[in-house]
PDB file of N, CA and C in Angstrom:
ATOM      1  N   MET A   1     -19.237  48.178 -43.024  1.00  0.00           N
ATOM      2  CA  MET A   1     -20.594  48.212 -42.208  1.00  0.00           C
ATOM      3  C   MET A   1     -21.202  46.845 -42.231  1.00  0.00           C
ATOM      4  N   LEU A   2     -21.032  46.097 -43.185  1.00  0.00           N
ATOM      5  CA  LEU A   2     -21.449  44.685 -43.129  1.00  0.00           C
ATOM      6  C   LEU A   2     -20.714  43.881 -42.139  1.00  0.00           C
ATOM      7  N   ARG A   3     -19.401  44.207 -42.133  1.00  0.00           N
ATOM      8  CA  ARG A   3     -18.535  43.303 -41.098  1.00  0.00           C
ATOM      9  C   ARG A   3     -18.967  43.603 -39.741  1.00  0.00           C
ATOM     10  N   GLN A   4     -19.396  45.166 -39.360  1.00  0.00           N
ATOM     11  CA  GLN A   4     -19.520  45.486 -38.180  1.00  0.00           C
ATOM     12  C   GLN A   4     -21.005  44.780 -37.729  1.00  0.00           C
ATOM     13  N   ASN A   5     -21.967  44.759 -38.808  1.00  0.00           N
ATOM     14  CA  ASN A   5     -23.232  44.090 -38.363  1.00  0.00           C
ATOM     15  C   ASN A   5     -22.951  42.708 -37.957  1.00  0.00           C
ATOM     16  N   LYS A   6     -22.009  41.851 -38.789  1.00  0.00           N
ATOM     17  CA  LYS A   6     -21.767  40.527 -38.474  1.00  0.00           C
ATOM     18  C   LYS A   6     -21.134  40.506 -37.032  1.00  0.00           C
ATOM     19  N   MET A   7     -20.174  41.449 -36.643  1.00  0.00           N
ATOM     20  CA  MET A   7     -19.584  41.458 -35.392  1.00  0.00           C
ATOM     21  C   MET A   7     -20.779  41.655 -34.321  1.00  0.00           C
ATOM     22  N   ASP A   8     -21.625  42.658 -34.583  1.00  0.00           N
ATOM     23  CA  ASP A   8     -22.721  42.865 -33.557  1.00  0.00           C
ATOM     24  C   ASP A   8     -23.566  41.597 -33.332  1.00  0.00           C
ATOM     25  N   LYS A   9     -23.820  40.973 -34.342  1.00  0.00           N
ATOM     26  CA  LYS A   9     -24.690  39.737 -34.229  1.00  0.00           C
ATOM     27  C   LYS A   9     -23.940  38.664 -33.434  1.00  0.00           C
ATOM     28  N   GLU A  10     -22.710  38.428 -33.804  1.00  0.00           N
ATOM     29  CA  GLU A  10     -22.047  37.606 -33.126  1.00  0.00           C
ATOM     30  C   GLU A  10     -21.812  37.917 -31.564  1.00  0.00           C
ATOM     31  N   SER A  11     -21.624  39.146 -31.348  1.00  0.00           N
ATOM     32  CA  SER A  11     -21.493  39.680 -29.852  1.00  0.00           C
ATOM     33  C   SER A  11     -22.915  39.495 -29.211  1.00  0.00           C
ATOM     34  N   GLU A  12     -23.945  39.710 -29.936  1.00  0.00           N
ATOM     35  CA  GLU A  12     -25.240  39.592 -29.387  1.00  0.00           C
ATOM     36  C   GLU A  12     -25.600  38.163 -28.902  1.00  0.00           C
ATOM     37  N   LYS A  13     -25.179  37.318 -29.846  1.00  0.00           N
ATOM     38  CA  LYS A  13     -25.388  35.689 -29.620  1.00  0.00           C
ATOM     39  C   LYS A  13     -24.511  35.377 -28.371  1.00  0.00           C
ATOM     40  N   LYS A  14     -23.389  35.957 -28.298  1.00  0.00           N
ATOM     41  CA  LYS A  14     -22.521  35.680 -27.017  1.00  0.00           C
ATOM     42  C   LYS A  14     -23.215  36.079 -25.869  1.00  0.00           C
ATOM     43  N   VAL A  15     -23.597  37.221 -26.015  1.00  0.00           N
ATOM     44  CA  VAL A  15     -24.281  37.855 -24.726  1.00  0.00           C
ATOM     45  C   VAL A  15     -25.484  37.133 -24.392  1.00  0.00           C
ATOM     46  N   GLN A  16     -26.213  36.615 -25.277  1.00  0.00           N
ATOM     47  CA  GLN A  16     -27.424  35.886 -24.954  1.00  0.00           C
ATOM     48  C   GLN A  16     -26.931  34.541 -24.317  1.00  0.00           C
ATOM     49  N   GLU A  17     -25.906  34.008 -24.900  1.00  0.00           N
ATOM     50  CA  GLU A  17     -25.381  32.765 -24.156  1.00  0.00           C
ATOM     51  C   GLU A  17     -24.905  33.068 -22.734  1.00  0.00           C
ATOM     52  N   LEU A  18     -24.289  34.254 -22.555  1.00  0.00           N
ATOM     53  CA  LEU A  18     -23.986  34.507 -21.271  1.00  0.00           C
ATOM     54  C   LEU A  18     -25.089  34.601 -20.392  1.00  0.00           C
ATOM     55  N   GLN A  19     -26.200  35.060 -20.698  1.00  0.00           N
ATOM     56  CA  GLN A  19     -27.367  35.265 -20.054  1.00  0.00           C
ATOM     57  C   GLN A  19     -27.910  33.868 -19.610  1.00  0.00           C
ATOM     58  N   LEU A  20     -27.848  32.936 -20.406  1.00  0.00           N
ATOM     59  CA  LEU A  20     -28.386  31.720 -20.358  1.00  0.00           C
ATOM     60  C   LEU A  20     -27.521  30.915 -19.282  1.00  0.00           C
ATOM     61  N   ILE A  21     -26.083  31.241 -19.519  1.00  0.00           N
ATOM     62  CA  ILE A  21     -25.293  30.696 -18.475  1.00  0.00           C
ATOM     63  C   ILE A  21     -25.544  31.096 -17.042  1.00  0.00           C
ATOM     64  N   GLU A  22     -25.825  32.421 -16.914  1.00  0.00           N
ATOM     65  CA  GLU A  22     -26.120  32.967 -15.730  1.00  0.00           C
ATOM     66  C   GLU A  22     -27.341  32.174 -14.951  1.00  0.00           C
ATOM     67  N   GLN A  23     -28.340  32.183 -15.979  1.00  0.00           N
ATOM     68  CA  GLN A  23     -29.577  31.348 -15.347  1.00  0.00           C
ATOM     69  C   GLN A  23     -29.109  29.996 -15.040  1.00  0.00           C
ATOM     70  N   ASN A  24     -28.358  29.256 -15.697  1.00  0.00           N
ATOM     71  CA  ASN A  24     -28.158  27.803 -15.426  1.00  0.00           C
ATOM     72  C   ASN A  24     -27.284  28.040 -14.103  1.00  0.00           C
ATOM     73  N   LEU A  25     -26.282  28.903 -13.894  1.00  0.00           N
ATOM     74  CA  LEU A  25     -25.642  29.006 -12.680  1.00  0.00           C
ATOM     75  C   LEU A  25     -26.479  29.280 -11.428  1.00  0.00           C
ATOM     76  N   SER A  26     -27.411  29.956 -11.696  1.00  0.00           N
ATOM     77  CA  SER A  26     -28.461  30.398 -10.525  1.00  0.00           C
ATOM     78  C   SER A  26     -29.189  28.936 -10.230  1.00  0.00           C
ATOM     79  N   ASN A  27     -29.628  28.314 -11.193  1.00  0.00           N
ATOM     80  CA  ASN A  27     -30.311  27.087 -10.960  1.00  0.00           C
ATOM     81  C   ASN A  27     -29.520  25.910 -10.212  1.00  0.00           C
ATOM     82  N   LEU A  28     -28.297  25.941 -10.652  1.00  0.00           N
ATOM     83  CA  LEU A  28     -27.305  25.073 -10.046  1.00  0.00           C
ATOM     84  C   LEU A  28     -27.133  25.324  -8.519  1.00  0.00           C
ATOM     85  N   LEU A  29     -26.854  26.610  -8.409  1.00  0.00           N
ATOM     86  CA  LEU A  29     -26.687  27.056  -7.040  1.00  0.00           C
ATOM     87  C   LEU A  29     -27.932  26.673  -6.079  1.00  0.00           C
ATOM     88  N   VAL A  30     -29.092  26.858  -6.551  1.00  0.00           N
ATOM     89  CA  VAL A  30     -30.310  26.422  -5.859  1.00  0.00           C
ATOM     90  C   VAL A  30     -30.270  24.742  -5.551  1.00  0.00           C
ATOM     91  N   GLN A  31     -29.929  24.177  -6.587  1.00  0.00           N
ATOM     92  CA  GLN A  31     -29.790  22.720  -6.466  1.00  0.00           C
ATOM     93  C   GLN A  31     -28.698  22.288  -5.360  1.00  0.00           C
ATOM     94  N   LYS A  32     -27.598  23.065  -5.403  1.00  0.00           N
ATOM     95  CA  LYS A  32     -26.529  22.666  -4.572  1.00  0.00           C
ATOM     96  C   LYS A  32     -27.016  22.969  -3.179  1.00  0.00           C
ATOM     97  N   GLN A  33     -27.660  24.180  -3.002  1.00  0.00           N
ATOM     98  CA  GLN A  33     -28.056  24.401  -1.627  1.00  0.00           C
ATOM     99  C   GLN A  33     -29.048  23.506  -1.153  1.00  0.00           C
ATOM    100  N   ASN A  34     -29.914  22.856  -1.913  1.00  0.00           N
ATOM    101  CA  ASN A  34     -31.071  21.972  -1.581  1.00  0.00           C
ATOM    102  C   ASN A  34     -30.184  20.608  -1.275  1.00  0.00           C
ATOM    103  N   PHE A  35     -29.254  20.296  -1.883  1.00  0.00           N
ATOM    104  CA  PHE A  35     -28.499  18.980  -1.490  1.00  0.00           C
ATOM    105  C   PHE A  35     -27.742  19.180  -0.240  1.00  0.00           C
ATOM    106  N   GLN A  36     -27.018  20.297  -0.128  1.00  0.00           N
ATOM    107  CA  GLN A  36     -26.369  20.456   1.258  1.00  0.00           C
ATOM    108  C   GLN A  36     -27.212  20.554   2.299  1.00  0.00           C
ATOM    109  N   ALA A  37     -28.440  21.219   2.361  1.00  0.00           N
ATOM    110  CA  ALA A  37     -29.258  20.930   3.409  1.00  0.00           C
ATOM    111  C   ALA A  37     -29.815  19.772   3.731  1.00  0.00           C
ATOM    112  N   ARG A  38     -30.131  18.877   2.563  1.00  0.00           N
ATOM    113  CA  ARG A  38     -30.409  17.527   2.854  1.00  0.00           C
ATOM    114  C   ARG A  38     -29.221  16.605   3.450  1.00  0.00           C
ATOM    115  N   LEU A  39     -28.170  17.059   3.084  1.00  0.00           N
ATOM    116  CA  LEU A  39     -26.819  16.473   3.438  1.00  0.00           C
ATOM    117  C   LEU A  39     -26.633  16.653   4.897  1.00  0.00           C
ATOM    118  N   LEU A  40     -26.905  18.038   5.386  1.00  0.00           N
ATOM    119  CA  LEU A  40     -26.731  18.210   6.836  1.00  0.00           C
ATOM    120  C   LEU A  40     -27.770  17.607   7.564  1.00  0.00           C
ATOM    121  N   GLU A  41     -29.026  17.388   7.168  1.00  0.00           N
ATOM    122  CA  GLU A  41     -30.059  16.683   7.826  1.00  0.00           C
ATOM    123  C   GLU A  41     -29.623  15.241   7.971  1.00  0.00           C
ATOM    124  N   ASN A  42     -29.222  14.604   6.890  1.00  0.00           N
ATOM    125  CA  ASN A  42     -28.580  13.265   6.930  1.00  0.00           C
ATOM    126  C   ASN A  42     -27.602  13.094   7.984  1.00  0.00           C
ATOM    127  N   GLU A  43     -26.457  14.023   7.981  1.00  0.00           N
ATOM    128  CA  GLU A  43     -25.417  13.904   8.970  1.00  0.00           C
ATOM    129  C   GLU A  43     -25.916  14.102  10.442  1.00  0.00           C
ATOM    130  N   SER A  44     -27.023  14.975  10.495  1.00  0.00           N
ATOM    131  CA  SER A  44     -27.621  15.192  11.987  1.00  0.00           C
ATOM    132  C   SER A  44     -28.284  13.819  12.332  1.00  0.00           C
ATOM    133  N   ALA A  45     -28.974  13.327  11.404  1.00  0.00           N
ATOM    134  CA  ALA A  45     -29.731  12.129  11.846  1.00  0.00           C
ATOM    135  C   ALA A  45     -28.762  10.908  12.070  1.00  0.00           C
ATOM    136  N   SER A  46     -27.656  10.760  11.395  1.00  0.00           N
ATOM    137  CA  SER A  46     -26.664   9.661  11.641  1.00  0.00           C
ATOM    138  C   SER A  46     -26.126   9.961  12.977  1.00  0.00           C
ATOM    139  N   LYS A  47     -25.936  11.321  13.420  1.00  0.00           N
ATOM    140  CA  LYS A  47     -25.262  11.562  14.722  1.00  0.00           C
ATOM    141  C   LYS A  47     -26.301  11.156  15.784  1.00  0.00           C
ATOM    142  N   GLU A  48     -27.396  11.489  15.531  1.00  0.00           N
ATOM    143  CA  GLU A  48     -28.518  11.188  16.592  1.00  0.00           C
ATOM    144  C   GLU A  48     -28.648   9.627  16.851  1.00  0.00           C
ATOM    145  N   LEU A  49     -28.674   9.007  15.597  1.00  0.00           N
ATOM    146  CA  LEU A  49     -28.732   7.491  15.497  1.00  0.00           C
ATOM    147  C   LEU A  49     -27.544   6.828  16.348  1.00  0.00           C
ATOM    148  N   GLU A  50     -26.401   7.450  16.179  1.00  0.00           N
ATOM    149  CA  GLU A  50     -25.181   6.842  17.040  1.00  0.00           C
ATOM    150  C   GLU A  50     -25.386   6.997  18.540  1.00  0.00           C
ATOM    151  N   GLN A  51     -26.130   7.953  18.936  1.00  0.00           N
ATOM    152  CA  GLN A  51     -26.148   8.403  20.343  1.00  0.00           C
ATOM    153  C   GLN A  51     -27.288   7.698  21.165  1.00  0.00           C
ATOM    154  N   THR A  52     -28.266   7.236  20.207  1.00  0.00           N
ATOM    155  CA  THR A  52     -29.483   6.554  20.857  1.00  0.00           C
ATOM    156  C   THR A  52     -29.379   5.240  21.178  1.00  0.00           C
ATOM    157  N   LYS A  53     -30.018   4.812  22.122  1.00  0.00           N
ATOM    158  CA  LYS A  53     -30.069   3.295  22.418  1.00  0.00           C
ATOM    159  C   LYS A  53     -31.585   2.901  22.293  1.00  0.00           C
ATOM    160  N   LYS A  54     -32.447   3.656  21.821  1.00  0.00           N
ATOM    161  CA  LYS A  54     -33.912   3.422  21.677  1.00  0.00           C
ATOM    162  C   LYS A  54     -34.350   2.907  20.272  1.00  0.00           C
ATOM    163  N   GLN A  55     -35.388   2.454  20.195  1.00  0.00           N
ATOM    164  CA  GLN A  55     -35.861   2.076  18.794  1.00  0.00           C
ATOM    165  C   GLN A  55     -35.769   3.092  17.764  1.00  0.00           C
ATOM    166  N   SER A  56     -35.328   2.573  16.603  1.00  0.00           N
ATOM    167  CA  SER A  56     -35.173   3.577  15.455  1.00  0.00           C
ATOM    168  C   SER A  56     -36.436   3.631  14.617  1.00  0.00           C
ATOM    169  N   TYR A  57     -36.561   4.824  14.055  1.00  0.00           N
ATOM    170  CA  TYR A  57     -37.955   4.857  13.063  1.00  0.00           C
ATOM    171  C   TYR A  57     -37.569   5.737  11.965  1.00  0.00           C
ATOM    172  N   LYS A  58     -38.216   5.388  10.790  1.00  0.00           N
ATOM    173  CA  LYS A  58     -37.918   6.122   9.421  1.00  0.00           C
ATOM    174  C   LYS A  58     -39.348   6.516   9.036  1.00  0.00           C
ATOM    175  N   ILE A  59     -39.289   7.784   8.428  1.00  0.00           N
ATOM    176  CA  ILE A  59     -40.722   8.224   7.914  1.00  0.00           C
ATOM    177  C   ILE A  59     -40.738   7.910   6.509  1.00  0.00           C
ATOM    178  N   ILE A  60     -41.782   7.200   6.290  1.00  0.00           N
ATOM    179  CA  ILE A  60     -41.937   6.533   4.753  1.00  0.00           C
ATOM    180  C   ILE A  60     -43.233   7.081   4.454  1.00  0.00           C
ATOM    181  N   GLY A  61     -43.342   8.056   3.570  1.00  0.00           N
ATOM    182  CA  GLY A  61     -44.640   8.668   3.098  1.00  0.00           C
ATOM    183  C   GLY A  61     -45.173   9.479   4.364  1.00  0.00           C
ATOM    184  N   ASN A  62     -46.397   9.149   4.647  1.00  0.00           N
ATOM    185  CA  ASN A  62     -46.985   9.597   5.859  1.00  0.00           C
ATOM    186  C   ASN A  62     -46.928   8.926   6.946  1.00  0.00           C
ATOM    187  N   LEU A  63     -46.240   7.859   7.127  1.00  0.00           N
ATOM    188  CA  LEU A  63     -45.945   6.723   8.089  1.00  0.00           C
ATOM    189  C   LEU A  63     -44.778   6.923   8.903  1.00  0.00           C
ATOM    190  N   LEU A  64     -44.693   6.580  10.188  1.00  0.00           N
ATOM    191  CA  LEU A  64     -43.525   6.566  10.814  1.00  0.00           C
ATOM    192  C   LEU A  64     -43.341   5.047  11.077  1.00  0.00           C
ATOM    193  N   VAL A  65     -42.385   4.395  10.576  1.00  0.00           N
ATOM    194  CA  VAL A  65     -42.114   3.031  10.707  1.00  0.00           C
ATOM    195  C   VAL A  65     -40.867   2.559  11.500  1.00  0.00           C
ATOM    196  N   ALA A  66     -40.933   1.687  12.274  1.00  0.00           N
ATOM    197  CA  ALA A  66     -39.829   1.064  13.197  1.00  0.00           C
ATOM    198  C   ALA A  66     -38.892   0.354  12.198  1.00  0.00           C
ATOM    199  N   ILE A  67     -37.614   0.590  12.388  1.00  0.00           N
ATOM    200  CA  ILE A  67     -36.661  -0.064  11.642  1.00  0.00           C
ATOM    201  C   ILE A  67     -35.452  -0.272  12.195  1.00  0.00           C
ATOM    202  N   ASP A  68     -34.613  -1.553  11.935  1.00  0.00           N
ATOM    203  CA  ASP A  68     -33.495  -1.822  12.494  1.00  0.00           C
ATOM    204  C   ASP A  68     -32.403  -0.868  12.463  1.00  0.00           C
ATOM    205  N   LYS A  69     -31.927  -0.422  13.486  1.00  0.00           N
ATOM    206  CA  LYS A  69     -30.756   0.470  13.546  1.00  0.00           C
ATOM    207  C   LYS A  69     -29.691   0.438  12.642  1.00  0.00           C
ATOM    208  N   GLU A  70     -29.293  -0.726  12.270  1.00  0.00           N
ATOM    209  CA  GLU A  70     -28.203  -1.010  11.458  1.00  0.00           C
ATOM    210  C   GLU A  70     -28.568  -0.794  10.005  1.00  0.00           C
ATOM    211  N   LYS A  71     -29.843  -1.168   9.681  1.00  0.00           N
ATOM    212  CA  LYS A  71     -30.492  -0.944   8.444  1.00  0.00           C
ATOM    213  C   LYS A  71     -30.519   0.575   8.092  1.00  0.00           C
ATOM    214  N   LEU A  72     -31.032   1.305   9.163  1.00  0.00           N
ATOM    215  CA  LEU A  72     -31.177   2.619   9.051  1.00  0.00           C
ATOM    216  C   LEU A  72     -29.847   3.397   8.810  1.00  0.00           C
ATOM    217  N   LYS A  73     -28.753   2.952   9.572  1.00  0.00           N
ATOM    218  CA  LYS A  73     -27.348   3.453   9.488  1.00  0.00           C
ATOM    219  C   LYS A  73     -26.999   3.360   7.802  1.00  0.00           C
ATOM    220  N   LYS A  74     -27.177   2.004   7.396  1.00  0.00           N
ATOM    221  CA  LYS A  74     -26.758   1.694   5.981  1.00  0.00           C
ATOM    222  C   LYS A  74     -27.531   2.664   5.075  1.00  0.00           C
ATOM    223  N   ASP A  75     -28.870   2.845   5.284  1.00  0.00           N
ATOM    224  CA  ASP A  75     -29.779   3.797   4.330  1.00  0.00           C
ATOM    225  C   ASP A  75     -29.214   5.185   4.406  1.00  0.00           C
ATOM    226  N   LEU A  76     -28.773   5.616   5.567  1.00  0.00           N
ATOM    227  CA  LEU A  76     -28.505   6.931   5.793  1.00  0.00           C
ATOM    228  C   LEU A  76     -26.851   7.179   5.008  1.00  0.00           C
ATOM    229  N   SER A  77     -26.154   6.270   5.183  1.00  0.00           N
ATOM    230  CA  SER A  77     -24.739   6.233   4.735  1.00  0.00           C
ATOM    231  C   SER A  77     -24.887   6.260   3.110  1.00  0.00           C
ATOM    232  N   GLU A  78     -25.697   5.446   2.418  1.00  0.00           N
ATOM    233  CA  GLU A  78     -25.953   5.388   1.158  1.00  0.00           C
ATOM    234  C   GLU A  78     -26.486   6.846   0.659  1.00  0.00           C
ATOM    235  N   GLU A  79     -27.483   7.194   1.257  1.00  0.00           N
ATOM    236  CA  GLU A  79     -28.091   8.472   0.897  1.00  0.00           C
ATOM    237  C   GLU A  79     -27.126   9.633   0.931  1.00  0.00           C
ATOM    238  N   LYS A  80     -26.061   9.547   2.063  1.00  0.00           N
ATOM    239  CA  LYS A  80     -25.096  10.474   2.044  1.00  0.00           C
ATOM    240  C   LYS A  80     -24.075  10.609   1.007  1.00  0.00           C
ATOM    241  N   GLU A  81     -23.749   9.263   0.520  1.00  0.00           N
ATOM    242  CA  GLU A  81     -22.878   9.089  -0.754  1.00  0.00           C
ATOM    243  C   GLU A  81     -23.510   9.781  -1.992  1.00  0.00           C
ATOM    244  N   ILE A  82     -24.933   9.597  -2.049  1.00  0.00           N
ATOM    245  CA  ILE A  82     -25.598  10.070  -3.323  1.00  0.00           C
ATOM    246  C   ILE A  82     -25.489  11.633  -3.124  1.00  0.00           C
ATOM    247  N   PHE A  83     -25.831  12.270  -2.114  1.00  0.00           N
ATOM    248  CA  PHE A  83     -25.879  13.700  -1.987  1.00  0.00           C
ATOM    249  C   PHE A  83     -24.395  14.090  -2.310  1.00  0.00           C
ATOM    250  N   ASP A  84     -23.457  13.528  -1.906  1.00  0.00           N
ATOM    251  CA  ASP A  84     -22.023  13.882  -1.991  1.00  0.00           C
ATOM    252  C   ASP A  84     -21.713  13.957  -3.364  1.00  0.00           C
ATOM    253  N   LEU A  85     -22.034  12.823  -4.062  1.00  0.00           N
ATOM    254  CA  LEU A  85     -21.823  12.738  -5.647  1.00  0.00           C
ATOM    255  C   LEU A  85     -22.608  13.968  -6.273  1.00  0.00           C
ATOM    256  N   ARG A  86     -23.663  13.996  -6.011  1.00  0.00           N
ATOM    257  CA  ARG A  86     -24.511  15.059  -6.563  1.00  0.00           C
ATOM    258  C   ARG A  86     -23.972  16.407  -6.396  1.00  0.00           C
ATOM    259  N   ILE A  87     -23.529  16.680  -5.319  1.00  0.00           N
ATOM    260  CA  ILE A  87     -22.948  18.062  -4.956  1.00  0.00           C
ATOM    261  C   ILE A  87     -21.603  18.241  -5.844  1.00  0.00           C
ATOM    262  N   LYS A  88     -20.786  17.244  -5.975  1.00  0.00           N
ATOM    263  CA  LYS A  88     -19.575  17.074  -6.855  1.00  0.00           C
ATOM    264  C   LYS A  88     -19.912  17.416  -8.159  1.00  0.00           C
ATOM    265  N   ASN A  89     -20.881  16.779  -8.803  1.00  0.00           N
ATOM    266  CA  ASN A  89     -21.360  16.813 -10.063  1.00  0.00           C
ATOM    267  C   ASN A  89     -21.696  18.366 -10.249  1.00  0.00           C
ATOM    268  N   ILE A  90     -22.606  18.863  -9.424  1.00  0.00           N
ATOM    269  CA  ILE A  90     -23.107  20.199  -9.478  1.00  0.00           C
ATOM    270  C   ILE A  90     -21.800  21.285  -9.675  1.00  0.00           C
ATOM    271  N   GLU A  91     -20.887  21.010  -8.778  1.00  0.00           N
ATOM    272  CA  GLU A  91     -19.732  21.741  -8.611  1.00  0.00           C
ATOM    273  C   GLU A  91     -18.919  21.687  -9.912  1.00  0.00           C
ATOM    274  N   LYS A  92     -18.790  20.586 -10.447  1.00  0.00           N
ATOM    275  CA  LYS A  92     -18.142  20.337 -11.867  1.00  0.00           C
ATOM    276  C   LYS A  92     -18.759  21.129 -12.953  1.00  0.00           C
ATOM    277  N   GLN A  93     -20.210  21.148 -12.990  1.00  0.00           N
ATOM    278  CA  GLN A  93     -21.113  21.773 -13.959  1.00  0.00           C
ATOM    279  C   GLN A  93     -20.818  23.293 -13.759  1.00  0.00           C
ATOM    280  N   ASP A  94     -20.927  23.740 -12.547  1.00  0.00           N
ATOM    281  CA  ASP A  94     -20.610  25.123 -12.136  1.00  0.00           C
ATOM    282  C   ASP A  94     -19.270  25.715 -12.665  1.00  0.00           C
ATOM    283  N   ASN A  95     -18.302  24.874 -12.404  1.00  0.00           N
ATOM    284  CA  ASN A  95     -16.972  25.457 -12.987  1.00  0.00           C
ATOM    285  C   ASN A  95     -16.976  25.314 -14.515  1.00  0.00           C
ATOM    286  N   LYS A  96     -17.585  24.477 -15.038  1.00  0.00           N
ATOM    287  CA  LYS A  96     -17.313  24.489 -16.669  1.00  0.00           C
ATOM    288  C   LYS A  96     -18.195  25.605 -17.158  1.00  0.00           C
ATOM    289  N   LEU A  97     -19.344  26.053 -16.503  1.00  0.00           N
ATOM    290  CA  LEU A  97     -20.107  27.275 -17.119  1.00  0.00           C
ATOM    291  C   LEU A  97     -19.434  28.398 -16.758  1.00  0.00           C
ATOM    292  N   LYS A  98     -18.751  28.480 -15.509  1.00  0.00           N
ATOM    293  CA  LYS A  98     -18.067  29.749 -15.249  1.00  0.00           C
ATOM    294  C   LYS A  98     -16.824  29.963 -16.151  1.00  0.00           C
ATOM    295  N   GLU A  99     -16.224  28.675 -16.522  1.00  0.00           N
ATOM    296  CA  GLU A  99     -15.187  28.928 -17.599  1.00  0.00           C
ATOM    297  C   GLU A  99     -15.687  29.490 -19.016  1.00  0.00           C
ATOM    298  N   ARG A 100     -16.723  28.864 -19.370  1.00  0.00           N
ATOM    299  CA  ARG A 100     -17.341  29.250 -20.555  1.00  0.00           C
ATOM    300  C   ARG A 100     -17.797  30.622 -20.621  1.00  0.00           C
ATOM    301  N   ALA A 101     -18.415  31.153 -19.484  1.00  0.00           N
ATOM    302  CA  ALA A 101     -18.716  32.546 -19.212  1.00  0.00           C
ATOM    303  C   ALA A 101     -17.624  33.498 -19.535  1.00  0.00           C
ATOM    304  N   GLN A 102     -16.523  33.041 -18.879  1.00  0.00           N
ATOM    305  CA  GLN A 102     -15.202  34.015 -18.838  1.00  0.00           C
ATOM    306  C   GLN A 102     -14.740  33.963 -20.259  1.00  0.00           C
ATOM    307  N   GLU A 103     -14.682  32.759 -20.987  1.00  0.00           N
ATOM    308  CA  GLU A 103     -14.390  32.811 -22.385  1.00  0.00           C
ATOM    309  C   GLU A 103     -15.176  33.803 -23.322  1.00  0.00           C
ATOM    310  N   LEU A 104     -16.529  33.815 -23.062  1.00  0.00           N
ATOM    311  CA  LEU A 104     -17.400  34.476 -23.835  1.00  0.00           C
ATOM    312  C   LEU A 104     -17.278  35.999 -23.530  1.00  0.00           C
ATOM    313  N   GLN A 105     -17.202  36.442 -22.172  1.00  0.00           N
ATOM    314  CA  GLN A 105     -16.845  37.722 -21.827  1.00  0.00           C
ATOM    315  C   GLN A 105     -15.629  38.233 -22.519  1.00  0.00           C
ATOM    316  N   SER A 106     -14.491  37.499 -22.408  1.00  0.00           N
ATOM    317  CA  SER A 106     -13.440  37.836 -23.121  1.00  0.00           C
ATOM    318  C   SER A 106     -13.439  38.312 -24.670  1.00  0.00           C
ATOM    319  N   GLU A 107     -14.265  37.349 -25.238  1.00  0.00           N
ATOM    320  CA  GLU A 107     -14.645  37.668 -26.811  1.00  0.00           C
ATOM    321  C   GLU A 107     -15.381  38.639 -27.031  1.00  0.00           C
ATOM    322  N   VAL A 108     -16.384  38.912 -26.267  1.00  0.00           N
ATOM    323  CA  VAL A 108     -17.276  40.091 -26.554  1.00  0.00           C
ATOM    324  C   VAL A 108     -16.388  41.390 -26.204  1.00  0.00           C
ATOM    325  N   LEU A 109     -15.690  41.405 -25.159  1.00  0.00           N
ATOM    326  CA  LEU A 109     -14.741  42.643 -24.859  1.00  0.00           C
ATOM    327  C   LEU A 109     -13.769  42.747 -25.964  1.00  0.00           C
ATOM    328  N   ARG A 110     -13.249  41.672 -26.591  1.00  0.00           N
ATOM    329  CA  ARG A 110     -12.335  41.876 -27.667  1.00  0.00           C
ATOM    330  C   ARG A 110     -12.997  42.470 -28.923  1.00  0.00           C
ATOM    331  N   ASN A 111     -14.243  42.004 -29.065  1.00  0.00           N
ATOM    332  CA  ASN A 111     -14.914  42.627 -30.352  1.00  0.00           C
ATOM    333  C   ASN A 111     -15.334  43.927 -30.043  1.00  0.00           C
ATOM    334  N   LEU A 112     -15.735  44.281 -28.753  1.00  0.00           N
ATOM    335  CA  LEU A 112     -16.031  45.867 -28.494  1.00  0.00           C
ATOM    336  C   LEU A 112     -14.903  46.625 -28.664  1.00  0.00           C
ATOM    337  N   LYS A 113     -13.765  46.208 -28.241  1.00  0.00           N
ATOM    338  CA  LYS A 113     -12.403  46.937 -28.523  1.00  0.00           C
ATOM    339  C   LYS A 113     -12.098  47.173 -29.766  1.00  0.00           C
ATOM    340  N   LYS A 114     -12.217  45.987 -30.671  1.00  0.00           N
ATOM    341  CA  LYS A 114     -11.881  46.231 -32.131  1.00  0.00           C
ATOM    342  C   LYS A 114     -12.865  47.014 -32.829  1.00  0.00           C
ATOM    343  N   ASP A 115     -14.254  47.037 -32.497  1.00  0.00           N
ATOM    344  CA  ASP A 115     -15.127  47.827 -33.265  1.00  0.00           C
ATOM    345  C   ASP A 115     -14.961  49.365 -32.702  1.00  0.00           C
ATOM    346  N   GLY A 116     -14.630  49.532 -31.513  1.00  0.00           N
ATOM    347  CA  GLY A 116     -14.206  50.816 -30.976  1.00  0.00           C
ATOM    348  C   GLY A 116     -13.068  51.601 -31.715  1.00  0.00           C
ATOM    349  N   LYS A 117     -11.928  50.789 -32.056  1.00  0.00           N
ATOM    350  CA  LYS A 117     -10.732  51.256 -32.665  1.00  0.00           C
ATOM    351  C   LYS A 117     -11.183  51.463 -34.240  1.00  0.00           C
ATOM    352  N   ARG A 118     -12.126  50.780 -34.613  1.00  0.00           N
ATOM    353  CA  ARG A 118     -12.519  50.933 -36.074  1.00  0.00           C
ATOM    354  C   ARG A 118     -13.286  52.203 -36.345  1.00  0.00           C
ATOM    355  N   THR A 119     -14.131  52.546 -35.459  1.00  0.00           N
ATOM    356  CA  THR A 119     -14.957  53.737 -35.532  1.00  0.00           C
ATOM    357  C   THR A 119     -14.189  54.916 -35.302  1.00  0.00           C
ATOM    358  N   ASN A 120     -13.032  54.948 -34.713  1.00  0.00           N
ATOM    359  CA  ASN A 120     -12.226  56.170 -34.229  1.00  0.00           C
ATOM    360  C   ASN A 120     -11.435  56.569 -35.367  1.00  0.00           C
TER     361      ASN A 120
END
């Protein structure tokens, strides 16, 4: 009986950790979608910048400021690199969390099977 309570508490902790992982995965997904949307905006702006011959502008706070086209290209390129890195970082975190979740699920299932065999 004491051993079964210990197993139950261990399984309970693992299930709680699984729930926390699910929340973290959900948060990462929202962050990833946000960065992907910003990356699309960045790519769209870069494409428009390549096609225009007119003066280039950048929004800074509440102001629309004229800016050198080459400077704007450089800024957009640097911003794109940052978004790409952040998305890759989020994907790495996502993969690690998913691996940990699979480990925990396997452990919980093993414990449940063991407990089921003991009670039969």
